[in-house]
């Protein structure tokens, strides 16, 4: 009898960039307008329903301030049975604080732009847990990029939001699902 193999398809990293990051997260509430900013996954467009999402956040600037963060929001569709109107209902999937190391901040040139990956990622208290890889918390001079694996099971869409206490930097995230 032949052994069964489990094969997990893993897509290459996608890249989502938000060109202007505010000092606080945008409000999230049920809406009849389909979310368009920071879309990391759309089940209708991608035709897949992944369970996990790996995110690797970065900034185009080193002057981001101390209160820098990234929030992932899951969205589910609710169709009103009496009117047929669609409502998108949000759920916070994860909220992370982000920072660079005190050592050298590496730069990558990718897709024609310079990106600086964060080396420290930490879970914000009171939000769903993600599996974190945060090398900067172990060694200040470590310049490996931080990332998180987040449970997105059941979300029909996933969007990213950033906040930065200093200026309005361009920030983004490399993303893949499995």
N, C-alpha and C. Protein backbone atom coordinates (compact mmCIF):
# COMPACT_ATOMS: atom_id res chain seq x y z
N UNK A 1 0.84 -1.16 0.00
CA UNK A 1 0.00 0.00 0.00
C UNK A 1 0.89 1.24 0.00
N UNK A 2 0.61 2.18 -0.87
CA UNK A 2 1.40 3.41 -0.98
C UNK A 2 1.01 4.38 0.14
N UNK A 3 2.00 5.13 0.59
CA UNK A 3 1.74 6.13 1.63
C UNK A 3 1.04 7.34 1.02
N UNK A 4 0.13 7.89 1.77
CA UNK A 4 -0.55 9.11 1.33
C UNK A 4 0.33 10.31 1.63
N UNK A 5 0.37 11.24 0.72
CA UNK A 5 1.14 12.46 0.93
C UNK A 5 0.20 13.64 1.08
N UNK A 6 0.53 14.50 2.00
CA UNK A 6 -0.21 15.74 2.16
C UNK A 6 0.64 16.83 1.55
N UNK A 7 0.10 17.51 0.58
CA UNK A 7 0.83 18.57 -0.09
C UNK A 7 0.14 19.89 0.19
N UNK A 8 0.87 20.82 0.78
CA UNK A 8 0.33 22.14 1.08
C UNK A 8 0.86 23.12 0.04
N UNK A 9 -0.05 23.67 -0.74
CA UNK A 9 0.34 24.64 -1.74
C UNK A 9 0.68 25.95 -1.02
N UNK A 10 1.85 26.50 -1.30
CA UNK A 10 2.25 27.76 -0.69
C UNK A 10 2.55 28.76 -1.79
N UNK A 11 1.78 29.82 -1.81
CA UNK A 11 1.95 30.86 -2.81
C UNK A 11 3.18 31.70 -2.50
N UNK A 12 3.75 32.33 -3.52
CA UNK A 12 4.86 33.24 -3.27
C UNK A 12 4.32 34.48 -2.55
N UNK A 13 5.22 35.22 -1.93
CA UNK A 13 4.80 36.43 -1.22
C UNK A 13 4.16 37.43 -2.17
N UNK A 14 3.00 37.92 -1.77
CA UNK A 14 2.40 39.07 -2.42
C UNK A 14 2.84 40.30 -1.67
N UNK A 15 2.57 41.47 -2.22
CA UNK A 15 3.00 42.71 -1.59
C UNK A 15 1.85 43.71 -1.62
N UNK A 16 1.47 44.22 -0.45
CA UNK A 16 0.44 45.25 -0.36
C UNK A 16 1.07 46.45 0.33
N UNK A 17 0.97 47.62 -0.30
CA UNK A 17 1.57 48.84 0.23
C UNK A 17 0.48 49.89 0.46
N UNK A 18 0.56 50.57 1.60
CA UNK A 18 -0.33 51.70 1.89
C UNK A 18 0.54 52.95 1.89
N UNK A 19 0.32 53.86 0.94
CA UNK A 19 1.23 54.99 0.76
C UNK A 19 1.19 56.06 1.84
N UNK A 20 0.11 56.17 2.58
CA UNK A 20 0.03 57.17 3.65
C UNK A 20 -0.55 56.51 4.88
N UNK A 21 0.24 56.44 5.94
CA UNK A 21 -0.18 55.77 7.16
C UNK A 21 -0.52 56.81 8.23
N UNK A 22 -1.73 56.76 8.79
CA UNK A 22 -2.14 57.74 9.80
C UNK A 22 -1.58 57.42 11.19
N UNK A 23 -1.79 58.33 12.14
CA UNK A 23 -1.31 58.16 13.51
C UNK A 23 -2.14 57.14 14.30
N UNK A 24 -3.37 56.89 13.87
CA UNK A 24 -4.20 55.90 14.55
C UNK A 24 -4.92 55.06 13.49
N UNK A 25 -5.36 53.89 13.92
CA UNK A 25 -6.05 53.01 12.98
C UNK A 25 -7.37 53.63 12.52
N UNK A 26 -7.74 53.40 11.26
CA UNK A 26 -9.08 53.81 10.83
C UNK A 26 -10.12 53.00 11.60
N UNK A 27 -11.28 53.59 11.84
CA UNK A 27 -12.35 52.88 12.53
C UNK A 27 -12.85 51.72 11.66
N UNK A 28 -13.23 50.64 12.33
CA UNK A 28 -13.85 49.54 11.58
C UNK A 28 -15.26 49.33 12.12
N UNK A 29 -16.19 49.14 11.21
CA UNK A 29 -17.59 48.91 11.55
C UNK A 29 -18.23 48.23 10.36
N UNK A 30 -19.34 47.55 10.57
CA UNK A 30 -20.04 46.97 9.43
C UNK A 30 -20.32 48.05 8.38
N UNK A 31 -20.19 47.68 7.12
CA UNK A 31 -20.35 48.64 6.03
C UNK A 31 -20.98 47.97 4.82
N UNK A 32 -21.68 48.76 4.02
CA UNK A 32 -22.25 48.22 2.78
C UNK A 32 -21.29 48.42 1.61
N UNK A 33 -20.17 49.08 1.86
CA UNK A 33 -19.15 49.28 0.83
C UNK A 33 -18.05 48.24 1.02
N UNK A 34 -17.73 47.52 -0.05
CA UNK A 34 -16.69 46.50 0.03
C UNK A 34 -15.36 47.15 0.37
N UNK A 35 -14.64 46.68 1.40
CA UNK A 35 -13.33 47.24 1.74
C UNK A 35 -12.39 47.15 0.53
N UNK A 36 -11.69 48.25 0.27
CA UNK A 36 -10.80 48.29 -0.90
C UNK A 36 -9.35 48.58 -0.53
N UNK A 37 -9.11 49.20 0.62
CA UNK A 37 -7.74 49.56 1.01
C UNK A 37 -7.07 48.43 1.78
N UNK A 38 -5.84 48.13 1.41
CA UNK A 38 -5.05 47.15 2.15
C UNK A 38 -5.55 45.72 2.07
N UNK A 39 -6.17 45.33 0.97
CA UNK A 39 -6.72 43.97 0.85
C UNK A 39 -5.57 42.96 0.69
N UNK A 40 -5.49 42.03 1.64
CA UNK A 40 -4.48 40.97 1.60
C UNK A 40 -5.04 39.69 1.00
N UNK A 41 -6.32 39.47 1.20
CA UNK A 41 -6.96 38.25 0.69
C UNK A 41 -8.43 38.53 0.41
N UNK A 42 -8.91 38.07 -0.72
CA UNK A 42 -10.32 38.15 -1.08
C UNK A 42 -10.72 36.80 -1.64
N UNK A 43 -11.54 36.08 -0.91
CA UNK A 43 -11.93 34.72 -1.28
C UNK A 43 -12.59 34.69 -2.66
N UNK A 44 -13.36 35.70 -3.00
CA UNK A 44 -14.03 35.74 -4.30
C UNK A 44 -13.02 35.88 -5.43
N UNK A 45 -12.02 36.75 -5.25
CA UNK A 45 -11.01 36.98 -6.28
C UNK A 45 -10.01 35.82 -6.34
N UNK A 46 -9.54 35.36 -5.17
CA UNK A 46 -8.50 34.33 -5.12
C UNK A 46 -9.03 32.91 -5.29
N UNK A 47 -10.33 32.70 -5.10
CA UNK A 47 -10.98 31.39 -5.25
C UNK A 47 -10.37 30.32 -4.35
N UNK A 48 -9.81 30.74 -3.20
CA UNK A 48 -9.31 29.80 -2.21
C UNK A 48 -9.75 30.26 -0.83
N UNK A 49 -9.76 29.34 0.10
CA UNK A 49 -10.13 29.65 1.48
C UNK A 49 -9.02 29.18 2.42
N UNK A 50 -7.95 29.96 2.54
CA UNK A 50 -6.84 29.54 3.39
C UNK A 50 -7.19 29.63 4.87
N UNK A 51 -6.42 28.94 5.69
CA UNK A 51 -6.62 28.97 7.14
C UNK A 51 -5.62 29.88 7.84
N UNK A 52 -4.43 30.00 7.26
CA UNK A 52 -3.36 30.77 7.89
C UNK A 52 -2.79 31.80 6.92
N UNK A 53 -2.34 32.91 7.49
CA UNK A 53 -1.70 33.96 6.70
C UNK A 53 -0.39 34.36 7.38
N UNK A 54 0.68 34.36 6.59
CA UNK A 54 1.96 34.81 7.12
C UNK A 54 2.20 36.23 6.60
N UNK A 55 2.51 37.14 7.52
CA UNK A 55 2.74 38.53 7.16
C UNK A 55 4.13 38.97 7.61
N UNK A 56 4.81 39.74 6.76
CA UNK A 56 6.13 40.27 7.04
C UNK A 56 6.05 41.78 6.76
N UNK A 57 5.84 42.61 7.81
CA UNK A 57 5.64 44.04 7.61
C UNK A 57 6.94 44.80 7.39
N UNK A 58 6.83 45.94 6.67
CA UNK A 58 7.99 46.78 6.41
C UNK A 58 7.56 48.24 6.32
N UNK A 59 8.54 49.14 6.35
CA UNK A 59 8.30 50.56 6.20
C UNK A 59 9.28 51.12 5.17
N UNK A 60 8.87 52.18 4.50
CA UNK A 60 9.76 52.85 3.56
C UNK A 60 10.59 53.92 4.28
N UNK A 61 10.32 54.12 5.57
CA UNK A 61 10.99 55.16 6.35
C UNK A 61 11.47 54.60 7.68
N UNK A 62 12.56 55.16 8.21
CA UNK A 62 13.02 54.74 9.54
C UNK A 62 12.45 55.64 10.62
N UNK A 63 11.85 56.77 10.26
CA UNK A 63 11.27 57.68 11.26
C UNK A 63 9.78 57.41 11.40
N UNK A 64 9.47 56.41 12.22
CA UNK A 64 8.09 55.97 12.34
C UNK A 64 7.49 56.25 13.70
N UNK A 65 8.30 56.56 14.71
CA UNK A 65 7.79 56.82 16.05
C UNK A 65 7.60 55.53 16.84
N UNK A 66 7.28 55.70 18.11
CA UNK A 66 7.21 54.56 19.03
C UNK A 66 5.90 53.79 18.95
N UNK A 67 4.82 54.43 18.56
CA UNK A 67 3.50 53.77 18.58
C UNK A 67 3.12 53.24 17.20
N UNK A 68 4.03 52.49 16.61
CA UNK A 68 3.77 51.94 15.27
C UNK A 68 3.12 50.58 15.41
N UNK A 69 2.09 50.33 14.59
CA UNK A 69 1.39 49.05 14.70
C UNK A 69 0.80 48.59 13.38
N UNK A 70 0.40 47.33 13.38
CA UNK A 70 -0.25 46.70 12.22
C UNK A 70 -1.42 45.89 12.75
N UNK A 71 -2.57 46.06 12.12
CA UNK A 71 -3.77 45.32 12.52
C UNK A 71 -4.32 44.61 11.30
N UNK A 72 -4.68 43.33 11.48
CA UNK A 72 -5.34 42.56 10.42
C UNK A 72 -6.82 42.45 10.76
N UNK A 73 -7.65 42.73 9.77
CA UNK A 73 -9.10 42.71 9.95
C UNK A 73 -9.71 41.69 8.99
N UNK A 74 -10.49 40.76 9.53
CA UNK A 74 -11.21 39.79 8.72
C UNK A 74 -12.60 40.34 8.43
N UNK A 75 -13.11 40.05 7.26
CA UNK A 75 -14.44 40.52 6.85
C UNK A 75 -15.28 39.35 6.37
N UNK A 76 -16.54 39.35 6.76
CA UNK A 76 -17.49 38.35 6.29
C UNK A 76 -18.70 39.05 5.71
N UNK A 77 -19.27 38.44 4.69
CA UNK A 77 -20.41 39.02 3.98
C UNK A 77 -21.71 38.54 4.62
N UNK A 78 -22.62 39.48 4.80
CA UNK A 78 -23.97 39.18 5.28
C UNK A 78 -24.94 39.79 4.29
N UNK A 79 -25.79 38.98 3.67
CA UNK A 79 -26.78 39.47 2.72
C UNK A 79 -28.13 39.54 3.42
N UNK A 80 -28.70 40.73 3.43
CA UNK A 80 -29.99 40.97 4.07
C UNK A 80 -31.08 40.22 3.30
N UNK A 81 -31.81 39.34 3.97
CA UNK A 81 -32.81 38.51 3.30
C UNK A 81 -34.00 39.32 2.80
N UNK A 82 -34.29 40.47 3.40
CA UNK A 82 -35.44 41.25 2.96
C UNK A 82 -35.11 42.25 1.85
N UNK A 83 -33.86 42.77 1.83
CA UNK A 83 -33.52 43.78 0.83
C UNK A 83 -32.52 43.28 -0.21
N UNK A 84 -31.77 42.23 0.12
CA UNK A 84 -30.73 41.73 -0.77
C UNK A 84 -29.44 42.54 -0.68
N UNK A 85 -29.40 43.55 0.20
CA UNK A 85 -28.20 44.37 0.37
C UNK A 85 -27.10 43.58 1.06
N UNK A 86 -25.88 43.83 0.64
CA UNK A 86 -24.72 43.16 1.22
C UNK A 86 -24.09 44.05 2.29
N UNK A 87 -23.78 43.46 3.43
CA UNK A 87 -23.07 44.15 4.50
C UNK A 87 -21.79 43.37 4.77
N UNK A 88 -20.69 44.11 4.91
CA UNK A 88 -19.40 43.51 5.24
C UNK A 88 -19.18 43.71 6.74
N UNK A 89 -19.03 42.59 7.46
CA UNK A 89 -18.93 42.61 8.92
C UNK A 89 -17.47 42.32 9.32
N UNK A 90 -16.82 43.27 10.07
CA UNK A 90 -15.41 43.11 10.41
C UNK A 90 -15.16 42.39 11.73
N UNK A 91 -14.00 41.77 11.82
CA UNK A 91 -13.49 41.15 13.04
C UNK A 91 -11.99 41.40 13.10
N UNK A 92 -11.49 41.92 14.22
CA UNK A 92 -10.04 42.08 14.37
C UNK A 92 -9.43 40.70 14.55
N UNK A 93 -8.52 40.34 13.64
CA UNK A 93 -7.86 39.03 13.70
C UNK A 93 -6.56 39.08 14.49
N UNK A 94 -5.88 40.23 14.43
CA UNK A 94 -4.60 40.39 15.14
C UNK A 94 -4.24 41.86 15.18
N UNK A 95 -3.49 42.23 16.22
CA UNK A 95 -2.99 43.59 16.35
C UNK A 95 -1.57 43.48 16.91
N UNK A 96 -0.61 44.08 16.20
CA UNK A 96 0.79 43.96 16.57
C UNK A 96 1.45 45.33 16.70
N UNK A 97 2.38 45.46 17.64
CA UNK A 97 3.25 46.63 17.66
C UNK A 97 4.51 46.25 16.89
N UNK A 98 5.08 47.23 16.19
CA UNK A 98 6.23 47.00 15.31
C UNK A 98 7.34 47.97 15.65
N UNK A 99 8.59 47.50 15.54
CA UNK A 99 9.72 48.42 15.70
C UNK A 99 10.95 47.84 15.01
N UNK A 100 11.92 48.72 14.82
CA UNK A 100 13.20 48.32 14.28
C UNK A 100 14.12 47.95 15.45
N UNK A 101 15.27 47.36 15.14
CA UNK A 101 16.26 47.09 16.19
C UNK A 101 17.05 48.36 16.45
N UNK A 102 17.83 48.35 17.51
CA UNK A 102 18.69 49.50 17.78
C UNK A 102 19.96 49.43 16.93
N UNK A 103 20.16 48.31 16.27
CA UNK A 103 21.32 48.15 15.40
C UNK A 103 21.03 48.67 14.00
N UNK A 104 21.72 48.15 13.03
CA UNK A 104 21.55 48.57 11.65
C UNK A 104 20.22 48.06 11.10
N UNK A 105 19.46 48.97 10.52
CA UNK A 105 18.19 48.58 9.90
C UNK A 105 18.48 48.22 8.45
N UNK A 106 18.22 46.97 8.06
CA UNK A 106 18.52 46.59 6.68
C UNK A 106 17.55 47.24 5.70
N UNK A 107 17.96 47.35 4.46
CA UNK A 107 17.07 47.82 3.41
C UNK A 107 17.06 46.80 2.29
N UNK A 108 15.89 46.64 1.70
CA UNK A 108 15.72 45.77 0.54
C UNK A 108 15.19 46.62 -0.59
N UNK A 109 15.67 46.37 -1.77
CA UNK A 109 15.10 47.01 -2.94
C UNK A 109 14.26 45.96 -3.65
N UNK A 110 12.95 46.17 -3.63
CA UNK A 110 12.05 45.20 -4.22
C UNK A 110 10.90 45.94 -4.89
N UNK A 111 10.50 45.50 -6.04
CA UNK A 111 9.42 46.13 -6.80
C UNK A 111 9.71 47.61 -7.05
N UNK A 112 10.99 47.95 -7.22
CA UNK A 112 11.38 49.30 -7.54
C UNK A 112 11.37 50.27 -6.37
N UNK A 113 11.25 49.78 -5.15
CA UNK A 113 11.21 50.67 -3.98
C UNK A 113 12.07 50.08 -2.87
N UNK A 114 12.52 50.97 -1.97
CA UNK A 114 13.32 50.54 -0.83
C UNK A 114 12.40 50.24 0.34
N UNK A 115 12.57 49.08 0.94
CA UNK A 115 11.77 48.69 2.10
C UNK A 115 12.68 48.34 3.26
N UNK A 116 12.22 48.65 4.47
CA UNK A 116 12.95 48.35 5.69
C UNK A 116 12.09 47.40 6.52
N UNK A 117 12.43 46.13 6.57
CA UNK A 117 11.62 45.18 7.34
C UNK A 117 11.77 45.44 8.84
N UNK A 118 10.68 45.29 9.55
CA UNK A 118 10.72 45.42 11.01
C UNK A 118 11.39 44.18 11.59
N UNK A 119 12.14 44.36 12.68
CA UNK A 119 12.83 43.23 13.32
C UNK A 119 12.14 42.84 14.63
N UNK A 120 11.21 43.67 15.09
CA UNK A 120 10.50 43.38 16.34
C UNK A 120 9.01 43.45 16.07
N UNK A 121 8.30 42.38 16.42
CA UNK A 121 6.85 42.34 16.32
C UNK A 121 6.33 41.75 17.63
N UNK A 122 5.33 42.40 18.22
CA UNK A 122 4.80 41.95 19.50
C UNK A 122 3.28 42.01 19.47
N UNK A 123 2.67 41.05 20.13
CA UNK A 123 1.21 40.98 20.22
C UNK A 123 0.69 42.09 21.13
N UNK A 124 -0.35 42.81 20.69
CA UNK A 124 -1.00 43.81 21.53
C UNK A 124 -1.96 43.07 22.45
N UNK A 125 -1.90 43.40 23.75
CA UNK A 125 -2.75 42.73 24.74
C UNK A 125 -4.22 42.85 24.38
N UNK A 126 -4.95 41.77 24.63
CA UNK A 126 -6.40 41.79 24.41
C UNK A 126 -6.83 41.50 22.99
N UNK A 127 -5.90 41.12 22.12
CA UNK A 127 -6.26 40.78 20.74
C UNK A 127 -5.93 39.31 20.49
N UNK A 128 -6.55 38.70 19.47
CA UNK A 128 -6.25 37.29 19.18
C UNK A 128 -4.76 37.07 18.96
N UNK A 129 -4.26 35.94 19.39
CA UNK A 129 -2.83 35.64 19.32
C UNK A 129 -2.42 35.20 17.93
N UNK A 130 -1.21 35.58 17.54
CA UNK A 130 -0.59 35.09 16.33
C UNK A 130 0.70 34.38 16.72
N UNK A 131 1.23 33.59 15.83
CA UNK A 131 2.51 32.93 16.07
C UNK A 131 3.59 33.87 15.54
N UNK A 132 4.43 34.39 16.45
CA UNK A 132 5.37 35.45 16.09
C UNK A 132 6.79 34.95 15.91
N UNK A 133 7.48 35.51 14.92
CA UNK A 133 8.91 35.35 14.78
C UNK A 133 9.49 36.75 14.90
N UNK A 134 10.10 37.05 16.05
CA UNK A 134 10.58 38.39 16.36
C UNK A 134 12.04 38.34 16.79
N UNK A 135 12.96 38.26 15.83
CA UNK A 135 14.37 38.11 16.19
C UNK A 135 14.94 39.32 16.92
N UNK A 136 14.40 40.50 16.71
CA UNK A 136 14.92 41.71 17.34
C UNK A 136 14.74 41.74 18.84
N UNK A 137 13.81 40.92 19.37
CA UNK A 137 13.63 40.89 20.82
C UNK A 137 14.72 40.07 21.49
N UNK A 138 15.38 39.21 20.73
CA UNK A 138 16.43 38.36 21.30
C UNK A 138 17.80 39.03 21.26
N UNK A 139 18.07 39.81 20.24
CA UNK A 139 19.37 40.46 20.10
C UNK A 139 19.19 41.80 19.40
N UNK A 140 19.57 42.86 20.05
CA UNK A 140 19.35 44.20 19.50
C UNK A 140 20.04 44.41 18.16
N UNK A 141 21.14 43.73 17.93
CA UNK A 141 21.87 43.91 16.68
C UNK A 141 21.36 43.00 15.56
N UNK A 142 20.42 42.14 15.88
CA UNK A 142 19.89 41.21 14.89
C UNK A 142 19.05 41.97 13.87
N UNK A 143 19.28 41.74 12.62
CA UNK A 143 18.55 42.48 11.60
C UNK A 143 17.66 41.59 10.73
N UNK A 144 17.36 40.39 11.20
CA UNK A 144 16.45 39.52 10.45
C UNK A 144 15.05 40.11 10.49
N UNK A 145 14.24 39.89 9.46
CA UNK A 145 12.89 40.43 9.46
C UNK A 145 11.95 39.65 10.38
N UNK A 146 11.08 40.39 11.05
CA UNK A 146 10.07 39.77 11.91
C UNK A 146 8.85 39.42 11.06
N UNK A 147 8.11 38.40 11.50
CA UNK A 147 6.89 38.03 10.79
C UNK A 147 5.91 37.40 11.77
N UNK A 148 4.69 37.22 11.32
CA UNK A 148 3.66 36.59 12.15
C UNK A 148 2.82 35.67 11.29
N UNK A 149 2.35 34.59 11.90
CA UNK A 149 1.41 33.68 11.27
C UNK A 149 0.09 33.87 12.00
N UNK A 150 -0.97 34.20 11.25
CA UNK A 150 -2.25 34.56 11.83
C UNK A 150 -3.35 33.62 11.32
N UNK A 151 -4.21 33.21 12.22
CA UNK A 151 -5.36 32.36 11.88
C UNK A 151 -6.43 33.23 11.22
N UNK A 152 -6.74 32.95 9.95
CA UNK A 152 -7.76 33.71 9.24
C UNK A 152 -8.94 32.83 8.84
N UNK A 153 -9.01 31.62 9.39
CA UNK A 153 -10.05 30.67 9.02
C UNK A 153 -11.42 31.31 9.17
N UNK A 154 -12.23 31.18 8.14
CA UNK A 154 -13.60 31.70 8.16
C UNK A 154 -13.75 33.11 7.63
N UNK A 155 -12.65 33.82 7.42
CA UNK A 155 -12.74 35.19 6.89
C UNK A 155 -12.82 35.14 5.37
N UNK A 156 -13.79 35.86 4.82
CA UNK A 156 -13.92 35.91 3.37
C UNK A 156 -12.98 36.93 2.74
N UNK A 157 -12.63 37.94 3.51
CA UNK A 157 -11.64 38.94 3.10
C UNK A 157 -10.75 39.25 4.29
N UNK A 158 -9.52 39.67 4.02
CA UNK A 158 -8.62 40.13 5.08
C UNK A 158 -7.97 41.41 4.59
N UNK A 159 -7.99 42.45 5.44
CA UNK A 159 -7.33 43.71 5.12
C UNK A 159 -6.30 44.03 6.20
N UNK A 160 -5.36 44.88 5.85
CA UNK A 160 -4.33 45.33 6.80
C UNK A 160 -4.50 46.82 7.04
N UNK A 161 -4.25 47.22 8.27
CA UNK A 161 -4.23 48.63 8.64
C UNK A 161 -2.93 48.89 9.40
N UNK A 162 -2.35 50.07 9.21
CA UNK A 162 -1.14 50.46 9.92
C UNK A 162 -1.40 51.76 10.67
N UNK A 163 -0.60 51.98 11.70
CA UNK A 163 -0.57 53.28 12.38
C UNK A 163 0.89 53.60 12.68
N UNK A 164 1.23 54.88 12.57
CA UNK A 164 2.60 55.32 12.84
C UNK A 164 2.53 56.67 13.54
N UNK A 165 3.20 56.79 14.66
CA UNK A 165 3.13 58.00 15.48
C UNK A 165 3.87 59.18 14.88
N UNK A 166 4.77 58.94 13.95
CA UNK A 166 5.58 60.02 13.41
C UNK A 166 5.40 60.10 11.90
N UNK A 167 4.98 61.27 11.42
CA UNK A 167 4.82 61.48 9.98
C UNK A 167 3.71 60.63 9.40
N UNK A 168 3.74 60.46 8.10
CA UNK A 168 2.78 59.60 7.40
C UNK A 168 3.56 58.71 6.44
N UNK A 169 4.31 57.76 6.99
CA UNK A 169 5.20 56.94 6.15
C UNK A 169 4.43 55.98 5.25
N UNK A 170 5.11 55.54 4.21
CA UNK A 170 4.60 54.44 3.40
C UNK A 170 4.97 53.15 4.12
N UNK A 171 3.98 52.29 4.34
CA UNK A 171 4.24 51.01 4.98
C UNK A 171 3.56 49.92 4.17
N UNK A 172 4.02 48.70 4.35
CA UNK A 172 3.45 47.60 3.59
C UNK A 172 3.71 46.28 4.27
N UNK A 173 3.28 45.23 3.59
CA UNK A 173 3.42 43.89 4.14
C UNK A 173 3.57 42.90 2.99
N UNK A 174 4.52 42.00 3.15
CA UNK A 174 4.60 40.85 2.27
C UNK A 174 3.68 39.80 2.88
N UNK A 175 2.91 39.11 2.06
CA UNK A 175 1.89 38.21 2.59
C UNK A 175 1.83 36.94 1.75
N UNK A 176 1.60 35.82 2.43
CA UNK A 176 1.33 34.55 1.77
C UNK A 176 0.33 33.78 2.63
N UNK A 177 -0.36 32.86 2.02
CA UNK A 177 -1.38 32.07 2.75
C UNK A 177 -1.12 30.57 2.58
N UNK A 178 -1.64 29.83 3.52
CA UNK A 178 -1.65 28.37 3.37
C UNK A 178 -2.83 27.81 4.11
